Amino acid sequence: MTTETLSVAQRLGGDKFLAQAFGRSYYVARGDAASVAGLVSWDDLNAILTHHRLEAPRFRLALDGEPVPAFRYSRPVVTRRSTTWQRLQTSSLHEQLADGATLVIDAVDELHPGVGLLAKHLENWLRTAVQVNLYGSWTGTEGFGTHWDDHDVIVVQLDGTKRWKLYGPTRTAPMNRDVAAPEQPPEQPIADLVLSAGDVLYLPRGWWHAVAASEGQYSLHLTCGLQTTTGADLITWLSETLRGHEIVRTDVPRFGTESEQREFLDQIAKLLVDELASSDLITRFGLTRDATEPARLAPSLPYVNGIPPQQQLRARLVVARPHLVTMPDGTAQLIAGGEEWTFSAKALPLLQLLLDGSSHSLGELAAVAGLSVEQAAGVVNELVSGQVAAVGATS
C-alpha cells in the first residue's frame, strides 16, 4: 500500500471538494513525484505486458483518435490446440509508440495490487464503482483527439508530463444512452494545464478535452473512471422497488375505457408522488446501490473445501461499501454484494473489524469477538462462499 492510495480524497479536498467541485467543474491538486512513488512504475508496466496475454480492447494503441491495427505491433501465435492469441513484438511496439501512438491498458486495477487499492479507496469515498485505465505516451501526438467522456474521471500523473487542454461541456451531463449529442467544443480551451508527476486532476463528465505528451517528456498516468449515478438510475431503481404494489404489476388498460385508464394512471401517480416526497428516498437509493455493488474478484485458493481454522490465515472483505446492521433481536445483518447474511450477536465485533477494509488474521478476528478460531473461520467461510471476502496467507 502506498500513501497515494490513501491521500487522493484529502488532496482533492475531501468534503469541500464534493460540495464545491464534484460534478461541477475541473479541479487540480498539485503534488510531487514522491507522492506517487511505488504506485505504478515503468517496471510494473513492463511486467504486466510480459506476464499477461492482453489483447484488444483490454490492451491497445491509439493514434489521432483511431485504434492502431494490432498487426502493426503484434503477431498471431497458433497453439497446438489451434487457439490463436496475439503476441507483442517489442521492436514493433516501440516503433509505434515512438511514432506517436498512445498505449492503453483498461482496468489495470485488476492487474496491479496498488492500483486496486487506489480504486477501492475511491469507491469507498465516492460511493460508486471505479475502473482505472493506464496510459503511456511518448510524443505530442494526441491519441484520442478532442473528446468527452460519459463519466467523471480522476487523473493521477505517475511520471513525466502531460498537457491537458480543457474546453468545457457543450451539453449538461451527457450520457452514453442519450437523446442528443453534445455540440462541438469551442476552438480555444478554457484551461491549458500541464500535469507533472504527483499531480491529480478531476474532470466532470461531458467536458471536452485533448491530451498529449507535448512537453518533450514521455508520460505515464492513470485515469480513474467513476460510474455515474443519474436520475435515470434513480427512476429505474424506483420502478423496481414499486413492483411490490399490485397496481404496478397490473397490465396497462390499453383497451379499457377512458375512466379506467385515468384511474390506473392516478394510482400510479399517487405511488410516484408519495415516493418522491419521501425525505429518505435518495438515502435509500444510495444504500441499495452500495449493497448491490459487485465484489472485486478475489479467489481464496487453495481452500476450495472451506476455510480451515488456522490462526495466522488472513481474511478481508472484497466489497467497497458493505453495510452492517444490528437487528432488534441483537443479531448482526451484513449486506454486501447483493446478498444478506444474519449472524448471531457474538459475531458483531468480528464483522465490525472486517469493515475497516484491511486484512485480519483468524486469530485476531476470534479474539476481538470472544470466539474460537473454529467459529471465526465459520463466519469467514460464509462470506467467502458469498464472494464478498477472501483469505490467504497475506490477504
Protein backbone atom coordinates (compact mmCIF):
# COMPACT_ATOMS: atom_id res chain seq x y z
CA MET A 1 0.00 0.00 0.00
CA THR A 2 1.29 3.45 -0.88
CA THR A 3 0.47 6.81 0.61
CA GLU A 4 -1.14 7.74 -2.72
CA THR A 5 -3.85 5.10 -2.24
CA LEU A 6 -4.85 6.85 0.97
CA SER A 7 -4.40 10.51 0.09
CA VAL A 8 -6.38 11.24 -3.07
CA ALA A 9 -9.51 12.28 -1.18
CA GLN A 10 -7.54 14.58 1.12
CA ARG A 11 -5.52 16.08 -1.72
CA LEU A 12 -8.64 16.88 -3.71
CA GLY A 13 -10.20 18.50 -0.66
CA GLY A 14 -12.41 15.84 0.91
CA ASP A 15 -15.92 17.04 1.74
CA LYS A 16 -15.16 20.55 0.45
CA PHE A 17 -14.32 19.11 -2.97
CA LEU A 18 -17.57 17.12 -3.01
CA ALA A 19 -19.58 20.21 -2.11
CA GLN A 20 -17.91 22.69 -4.46
CA ALA A 21 -16.31 20.91 -7.43
CA PHE A 22 -17.64 17.37 -7.82
CA GLY A 23 -19.92 17.23 -10.87
CA ARG A 24 -19.49 20.97 -11.44
CA SER A 25 -16.01 21.93 -12.62
CA TYR A 26 -12.50 20.65 -13.10
CA TYR A 27 -10.08 20.73 -10.19
CA VAL A 28 -6.31 20.30 -9.97
CA ALA A 29 -4.35 19.24 -6.89
CA ARG A 30 -0.61 19.67 -7.34
CA GLY A 31 1.80 17.12 -5.92
CA ASP A 32 5.29 15.76 -6.42
CA ALA A 33 6.92 12.58 -7.65
CA ALA A 34 7.37 11.30 -4.09
CA SER A 35 3.60 11.22 -3.58
CA VAL A 36 3.17 8.58 -6.32
CA ALA A 37 6.41 6.69 -5.84
CA GLY A 38 5.64 2.99 -5.67
CA LEU A 39 2.14 3.24 -7.13
CA VAL A 40 2.86 2.11 -10.71
CA SER A 41 6.29 2.21 -12.31
CA TRP A 42 7.58 1.57 -15.80
CA ASP A 43 8.94 -1.72 -14.48
CA ASP A 44 5.42 -2.62 -13.34
CA LEU A 45 4.09 -1.83 -16.81
CA ASN A 46 6.81 -3.95 -18.43
CA ALA A 47 5.96 -6.82 -16.07
CA ILE A 48 2.24 -6.62 -16.89
CA LEU A 49 2.95 -6.74 -20.62
CA THR A 50 5.40 -9.61 -20.11
CA HIS A 51 3.25 -11.83 -17.91
CA HIS A 52 -0.25 -11.29 -19.31
CA ARG A 53 -1.78 -12.07 -22.68
CA LEU A 54 -3.57 -8.78 -23.19
CA GLU A 55 -5.49 -8.26 -26.39
CA ALA A 56 -7.73 -5.51 -27.75
CA PRO A 57 -9.66 -3.80 -26.36
CA ARG A 58 -8.05 -4.57 -22.97
CA PHE A 59 -4.67 -3.59 -24.37
CA ARG A 60 -4.50 -1.28 -27.36
CA LEU A 61 -2.68 1.55 -29.06
CA ALA A 62 -4.42 4.72 -30.27
CA LEU A 63 -3.26 7.42 -32.68
CA ASP A 64 -5.11 10.56 -33.81
CA GLY A 65 -8.39 9.26 -32.42
CA GLU A 66 -8.17 5.87 -34.13
CA PRO A 67 -7.03 2.44 -32.91
CA VAL A 68 -3.73 1.21 -34.30
CA PRO A 69 -4.28 -2.18 -36.00
CA ALA A 70 -2.91 -4.98 -33.83
CA PHE A 71 -0.85 -6.44 -36.67
CA ARG A 72 1.40 -3.36 -36.53
CA TYR A 73 2.76 -4.31 -33.11
CA SER A 74 1.90 -8.00 -32.56
CA ARG A 75 1.72 -11.25 -34.46
CA PRO A 76 -0.71 -14.18 -34.12
CA VAL A 77 0.51 -17.31 -32.41
CA VAL A 78 -1.36 -20.57 -33.02
CA THR A 79 -1.10 -23.07 -30.19
CA ARG A 80 -1.01 -26.82 -30.63
CA ARG A 81 -4.70 -26.83 -29.66
CA SER A 82 -5.40 -24.50 -32.60
CA THR A 83 -6.25 -21.46 -30.49
CA THR A 84 -4.80 -18.11 -31.55
CA TRP A 85 -3.52 -15.23 -29.47
CA GLN A 86 -1.62 -12.06 -30.29
CA ARG A 87 1.98 -11.92 -29.08
CA LEU A 88 3.52 -8.48 -28.68
CA GLN A 89 6.57 -7.71 -30.79
CA THR A 90 8.65 -5.38 -28.67
CA SER A 91 10.54 -3.73 -31.52
CA SER A 92 7.29 -3.04 -33.41
CA LEU A 93 5.62 -1.83 -30.21
CA HIS A 94 8.49 0.57 -29.53
CA GLU A 95 8.33 1.83 -33.11
CA GLN A 96 4.60 2.58 -32.93
CA LEU A 97 4.98 4.38 -29.62
CA ALA A 98 7.91 6.42 -30.89
CA ASP A 99 5.81 7.40 -33.91
CA GLY A 100 3.09 8.90 -31.73
CA ALA A 101 0.79 6.11 -30.59
CA THR A 102 -0.61 6.12 -27.05
CA LEU A 103 -0.52 2.87 -25.06
CA VAL A 104 -3.67 1.93 -23.12
CA ILE A 105 -4.42 -0.82 -20.62
CA ASP A 106 -8.03 -0.95 -19.45
CA ALA A 107 -8.90 -1.97 -15.88
CA VAL A 108 -5.31 -2.04 -14.70
CA ASP A 109 -6.76 -2.10 -11.16
CA GLU A 110 -7.42 -5.81 -11.82
CA LEU A 111 -3.76 -6.39 -12.74
CA HIS A 112 -1.86 -4.35 -10.16
CA PRO A 113 -2.48 -4.59 -6.37
CA GLY A 114 -1.53 -0.98 -5.65
CA VAL A 115 -3.92 0.35 -8.28
CA GLY A 116 -6.58 -2.00 -6.94
CA LEU A 117 -6.19 -0.36 -3.52
CA LEU A 118 -6.46 3.08 -5.11
CA ALA A 119 -9.69 2.05 -6.85
CA LYS A 120 -11.15 0.61 -3.64
CA HIS A 121 -10.24 3.78 -1.75
CA LEU A 122 -12.04 5.90 -4.34
CA GLU A 123 -15.04 3.55 -4.35
CA ASN A 124 -15.37 3.94 -0.58
CA TRP A 125 -15.07 7.72 -0.72
CA LEU A 126 -17.25 8.42 -3.76
CA ARG A 127 -19.70 5.53 -3.27
CA THR A 128 -19.50 4.32 -6.85
CA ALA A 129 -17.72 1.69 -8.91
CA VAL A 130 -14.33 2.70 -10.30
CA GLN A 131 -12.31 1.39 -13.25
CA VAL A 132 -8.72 2.53 -13.60
CA ASN A 133 -7.03 2.67 -17.02
CA LEU A 134 -3.33 3.25 -17.63
CA TYR A 135 -1.98 5.48 -20.42
CA GLY A 136 1.55 5.85 -21.73
CA SER A 137 2.54 8.50 -24.28
CA TRP A 138 5.85 9.50 -25.83
CA THR A 139 5.14 12.34 -28.27
CA GLY A 140 2.99 15.43 -28.74
CA THR A 141 0.57 13.47 -30.96
CA GLU A 142 -2.88 13.12 -29.44
CA GLY A 143 -4.02 9.56 -29.02
CA PHE A 144 -7.75 10.28 -28.96
CA GLY A 145 -8.24 13.78 -30.36
CA THR A 146 -10.58 16.26 -28.69
CA HIS A 147 -13.31 14.24 -26.99
CA TRP A 148 -15.55 13.95 -23.95
CA ASP A 149 -16.25 11.04 -21.58
CA ASP A 150 -19.64 9.88 -20.31
CA HIS A 151 -18.28 9.50 -16.78
CA ASP A 152 -16.28 11.65 -14.36
CA VAL A 153 -12.56 10.94 -14.17
CA ILE A 154 -9.78 11.42 -11.64
CA VAL A 155 -6.34 11.51 -13.27
CA VAL A 156 -3.14 10.66 -11.38
CA GLN A 157 0.06 11.62 -13.19
CA LEU A 158 2.70 8.99 -12.41
CA ASP A 159 5.76 10.05 -14.41
CA GLY A 160 6.74 12.66 -16.98
CA THR A 161 4.33 15.40 -18.05
CA LYS A 162 1.05 15.59 -19.96
CA ARG A 163 -0.70 18.65 -21.37
CA TRP A 164 -4.47 18.79 -20.91
CA LYS A 165 -6.50 21.30 -22.92
CA LEU A 166 -9.96 21.65 -21.40
CA TYR A 167 -12.82 23.11 -23.44
CA GLY A 168 -15.72 22.70 -21.02
CA PRO A 169 -19.07 20.98 -21.68
CA THR A 170 -21.43 21.76 -24.56
CA ARG A 171 -24.26 19.63 -23.13
CA THR A 172 -25.07 19.33 -19.44
CA ALA A 173 -24.46 15.82 -18.08
CA PRO A 174 -24.42 13.89 -21.38
CA MET A 175 -24.91 10.15 -21.14
CA ASN A 176 -23.86 7.14 -23.16
CA ARG A 177 -27.53 6.48 -23.91
CA ASP A 178 -28.82 9.97 -24.60
CA VAL A 179 -31.41 11.67 -26.78
CA ALA A 180 -28.96 14.16 -28.30
CA ALA A 181 -25.22 14.51 -28.84
CA PRO A 182 -23.20 17.42 -27.43
CA GLU A 183 -22.38 20.24 -29.81
CA GLN A 184 -18.78 20.63 -30.90
CA PRO A 185 -16.47 22.42 -28.44
CA PRO A 186 -15.12 25.96 -28.91
CA GLU A 187 -11.85 26.41 -30.79
CA GLN A 188 -9.97 27.80 -27.79
CA PRO A 189 -9.65 25.91 -24.49
CA ILE A 190 -10.86 27.46 -21.27
CA ALA A 191 -7.89 25.89 -19.44
CA ASP A 192 -4.47 24.70 -20.59
CA LEU A 193 -2.80 22.55 -17.92
CA VAL A 194 0.45 20.62 -17.70
CA LEU A 195 0.37 17.76 -15.20
CA SER A 196 3.64 16.59 -13.66
CA ALA A 197 4.34 13.52 -11.56
CA GLY A 198 2.18 13.60 -8.44
CA ASP A 199 -0.49 15.96 -9.81
CA VAL A 200 -4.15 14.93 -9.62
CA LEU A 201 -6.87 16.24 -11.96
CA TYR A 202 -10.63 15.87 -11.60
CA LEU A 203 -12.76 16.28 -14.73
CA PRO A 204 -16.58 16.03 -14.79
CA ARG A 205 -18.30 14.01 -17.48
CA GLY A 206 -19.12 15.83 -20.67
CA TRP A 207 -16.06 18.10 -20.56
CA TRP A 208 -14.31 18.20 -23.91
CA HIS A 209 -10.55 17.72 -23.61
CA ALA A 210 -7.44 16.97 -25.64
CA VAL A 211 -4.37 15.32 -24.14
CA ALA A 212 -0.79 14.97 -25.40
CA ALA A 213 2.74 14.41 -24.09
CA SER A 214 3.82 17.63 -25.77
CA GLU A 215 6.38 18.84 -23.23
CA GLY A 216 9.35 16.85 -24.50
CA GLN A 217 8.94 14.06 -21.93
CA TYR A 218 7.24 10.70 -22.03
CA SER A 219 4.19 10.37 -19.82
CA LEU A 220 2.58 7.70 -17.68
CA HIS A 221 -0.74 8.34 -15.96
CA LEU A 222 -3.80 6.63 -14.51
CA THR A 223 -7.38 7.65 -15.29
CA CYS A 224 -9.93 6.56 -12.71
CA GLY A 225 -13.36 6.38 -14.35
CA LEU A 226 -16.32 6.82 -11.98
CA GLN A 227 -19.59 5.02 -12.64
CA THR A 228 -22.40 7.55 -13.00
CA THR A 229 -25.38 7.73 -10.64
CA THR A 230 -28.02 9.64 -12.58
CA GLY A 231 -31.71 10.49 -12.32
CA ALA A 232 -32.30 7.77 -14.90
CA ASP A 233 -30.73 5.27 -12.48
CA LEU A 234 -32.98 6.52 -9.67
CA ILE A 235 -36.08 6.12 -11.84
CA THR A 236 -35.05 2.59 -12.85
CA TRP A 237 -34.49 1.65 -9.20
CA LEU A 238 -37.80 3.18 -8.19
CA SER A 239 -39.65 1.17 -10.82
CA GLU A 240 -38.12 -1.98 -9.34
CA THR A 241 -38.99 -1.13 -5.73
CA LEU A 242 -42.61 -0.29 -6.59
CA ARG A 243 -43.27 -3.76 -8.02
CA GLY A 244 -44.47 -4.75 -4.58
CA HIS A 245 -47.65 -2.79 -5.33
CA GLU A 246 -50.40 -4.60 -7.19
CA ILE A 247 -51.16 -1.66 -9.45
CA VAL A 248 -47.58 -1.63 -10.76
CA ARG A 249 -47.81 -5.31 -11.65
CA THR A 250 -51.19 -4.89 -13.30
CA ASP A 251 -51.44 -4.77 -17.07
CA VAL A 252 -51.80 -1.30 -18.54
CA PRO A 253 -55.52 -0.97 -19.51
CA ARG A 254 -54.79 -0.33 -23.16
CA PHE A 255 -58.29 -1.47 -24.15
CA GLY A 256 -60.12 -0.05 -21.15
CA THR A 257 -62.45 2.89 -21.06
CA GLU A 258 -61.14 6.42 -20.65
CA SER A 259 -62.19 6.43 -16.99
CA GLU A 260 -60.46 3.07 -16.35
CA GLN A 261 -57.27 4.37 -17.91
CA ARG A 262 -57.48 7.56 -15.87
CA GLU A 263 -57.99 5.61 -12.64
CA PHE A 264 -54.97 3.43 -13.43
CA LEU A 265 -52.75 6.45 -14.08
CA ASP A 266 -53.97 8.23 -10.96
CA GLN A 267 -52.98 5.24 -8.82
CA ILE A 268 -49.55 5.07 -10.43
CA ALA A 269 -49.12 8.83 -10.00
CA LYS A 270 -50.00 8.63 -6.29
CA LEU A 271 -47.37 5.94 -5.72
CA LEU A 272 -44.73 8.01 -7.51
CA VAL A 273 -45.66 11.25 -5.73
CA ASP A 274 -45.58 9.56 -2.33
CA GLU A 275 -42.15 8.06 -3.01
CA LEU A 276 -40.69 11.28 -4.44
CA ALA A 277 -41.97 13.19 -1.40
CA SER A 278 -40.14 10.81 0.93
CA SER A 279 -37.30 12.60 2.72
CA ASP A 280 -35.10 9.47 2.71
CA LEU A 281 -35.61 8.40 -0.91
CA ILE A 282 -32.10 9.29 -2.09
CA THR A 283 -30.60 7.78 1.06
CA ARG A 284 -32.44 4.50 0.44
CA PHE A 285 -31.39 4.57 -3.21
CA GLY A 286 -27.75 5.09 -2.21
CA LEU A 287 -27.86 2.27 0.32
CA THR A 288 -29.29 -0.06 -2.29
CA ARG A 289 -26.53 0.87 -4.74
CA ASP A 290 -23.94 0.25 -2.04
CA ALA A 291 -25.44 -3.10 -1.07
CA THR A 292 -25.64 -4.39 -4.63
CA GLU A 293 -22.21 -3.21 -5.83
CA PRO A 294 -20.42 -6.31 -7.18
CA ALA A 295 -17.42 -7.54 -5.24
CA ARG A 296 -13.94 -7.46 -6.75
CA LEU A 297 -12.67 -10.80 -7.95
CA ALA A 298 -10.56 -12.48 -5.26
CA PRO A 299 -10.32 -16.30 -5.16
CA SER A 300 -9.23 -17.98 -1.94
CA LEU A 301 -7.15 -20.88 -3.25
CA PRO A 302 -6.22 -23.48 -2.15
CA TYR A 303 -9.14 -23.51 0.29
CA VAL A 304 -11.79 -24.98 -2.02
CA ASN A 305 -13.38 -27.16 0.70
CA GLY A 306 -13.90 -24.46 3.30
CA ILE A 307 -11.73 -22.17 5.38
CA PRO A 308 -9.51 -24.08 7.82
CA PRO A 309 -9.30 -22.81 11.43
CA GLN A 310 -5.70 -21.59 11.21
CA GLN A 311 -4.88 -18.66 13.47
CA GLN A 312 -2.50 -16.95 11.05
CA LEU A 313 -4.74 -17.25 7.98
CA ARG A 314 -5.82 -13.74 7.00
CA ALA A 315 -9.23 -12.57 5.76
CA ARG A 316 -10.56 -9.37 4.22
CA LEU A 317 -13.74 -8.10 2.61
CA VAL A 318 -13.54 -7.51 -1.16
CA VAL A 319 -16.56 -5.19 -1.40
CA ALA A 320 -16.15 -1.43 -1.17
CA ARG A 321 -19.25 -0.42 0.80
CA PRO A 322 -20.72 -3.21 2.94
CA HIS A 323 -23.44 -2.38 5.45
CA LEU A 324 -23.62 -3.90 8.93
CA VAL A 325 -26.85 -3.51 10.88
CA THR A 326 -27.70 -4.59 14.41
CA MET A 327 -31.22 -6.02 14.30
CA PRO A 328 -33.81 -5.51 17.09
CA ASP A 329 -33.20 -9.06 18.34
CA GLY A 330 -29.47 -8.34 18.64
CA THR A 331 -28.39 -10.34 15.61
CA ALA A 332 -25.94 -8.83 13.11
CA GLN A 333 -27.02 -8.42 9.49
CA LEU A 334 -24.36 -7.89 6.84
CA ILE A 335 -25.49 -6.59 3.44
CA ALA A 336 -22.92 -6.67 0.63
CA GLY A 337 -22.53 -7.72 -2.97
CA GLY A 338 -26.29 -8.03 -3.39
CA GLU A 339 -26.58 -10.61 -0.59
CA GLU A 340 -27.60 -10.61 3.07
CA TRP A 341 -26.26 -12.66 5.98
CA THR A 342 -27.58 -12.83 9.52
CA PHE A 343 -25.15 -13.83 12.25
CA SER A 344 -25.52 -14.12 16.00
CA ALA A 345 -24.75 -11.08 18.14
CA LYS A 346 -21.42 -12.67 19.12
CA ALA A 347 -20.15 -12.22 15.56
CA LEU A 348 -20.78 -8.45 15.56
CA PRO A 349 -17.29 -7.37 16.76
CA LEU A 350 -15.66 -9.65 14.17
CA LEU A 351 -17.73 -8.16 11.35
CA GLN A 352 -17.08 -4.62 12.59
CA LEU A 353 -13.35 -5.27 12.42
CA LEU A 354 -13.59 -6.55 8.85
CA LEU A 355 -15.43 -3.38 7.84
CA ASP A 356 -12.18 -1.39 8.02
CA GLY A 357 -11.19 -2.94 4.68
CA SER A 358 -7.89 -4.35 5.96
CA SER A 359 -6.91 -7.99 6.28
CA HIS A 360 -7.03 -9.61 9.71
CA SER A 361 -5.89 -12.99 10.95
CA LEU A 362 -8.48 -15.51 12.06
CA GLY A 363 -6.85 -15.41 15.48
CA GLU A 364 -7.37 -11.65 15.67
CA LEU A 365 -10.98 -11.91 14.49
CA ALA A 366 -11.70 -14.65 17.01
CA ALA A 367 -10.12 -12.73 19.89
CA VAL A 368 -11.99 -9.47 19.28
CA ALA A 369 -15.32 -11.34 19.33
CA GLY A 370 -14.52 -13.79 22.10
CA LEU A 371 -14.99 -16.70 19.69
CA SER A 372 -12.93 -19.77 18.97
CA VAL A 373 -10.81 -19.80 15.82
CA GLU A 374 -13.13 -22.51 14.50
CA GLN A 375 -16.14 -20.22 14.97
CA ALA A 376 -14.35 -17.28 13.34
CA ALA A 377 -13.41 -19.49 10.40
CA GLY A 378 -17.05 -20.49 10.06
CA VAL A 379 -18.17 -16.85 9.79
CA VAL A 380 -15.45 -16.06 7.27
CA ASN A 381 -16.30 -19.20 5.29
CA GLU A 382 -19.87 -17.94 4.84
CA LEU A 383 -18.57 -14.65 3.44
CA VAL A 384 -16.04 -16.35 1.15
CA SER A 385 -18.80 -18.61 -0.17
CA GLY A 386 -20.83 -15.46 -0.84
CA GLN A 387 -17.89 -13.98 -2.81
CA VAL A 388 -17.61 -10.90 -0.59
CA ALA A 389 -14.48 -11.98 1.31
CA ALA A 390 -11.17 -13.66 0.53
CA VAL A 391 -8.49 -15.39 2.59
CA GLY A 392 -4.81 -16.09 2.15
CA ALA A 393 -1.51 -16.18 3.95
CA THR A 394 -1.04 -12.45 3.28
CA SER A 395 -4.57 -11.49 2.26
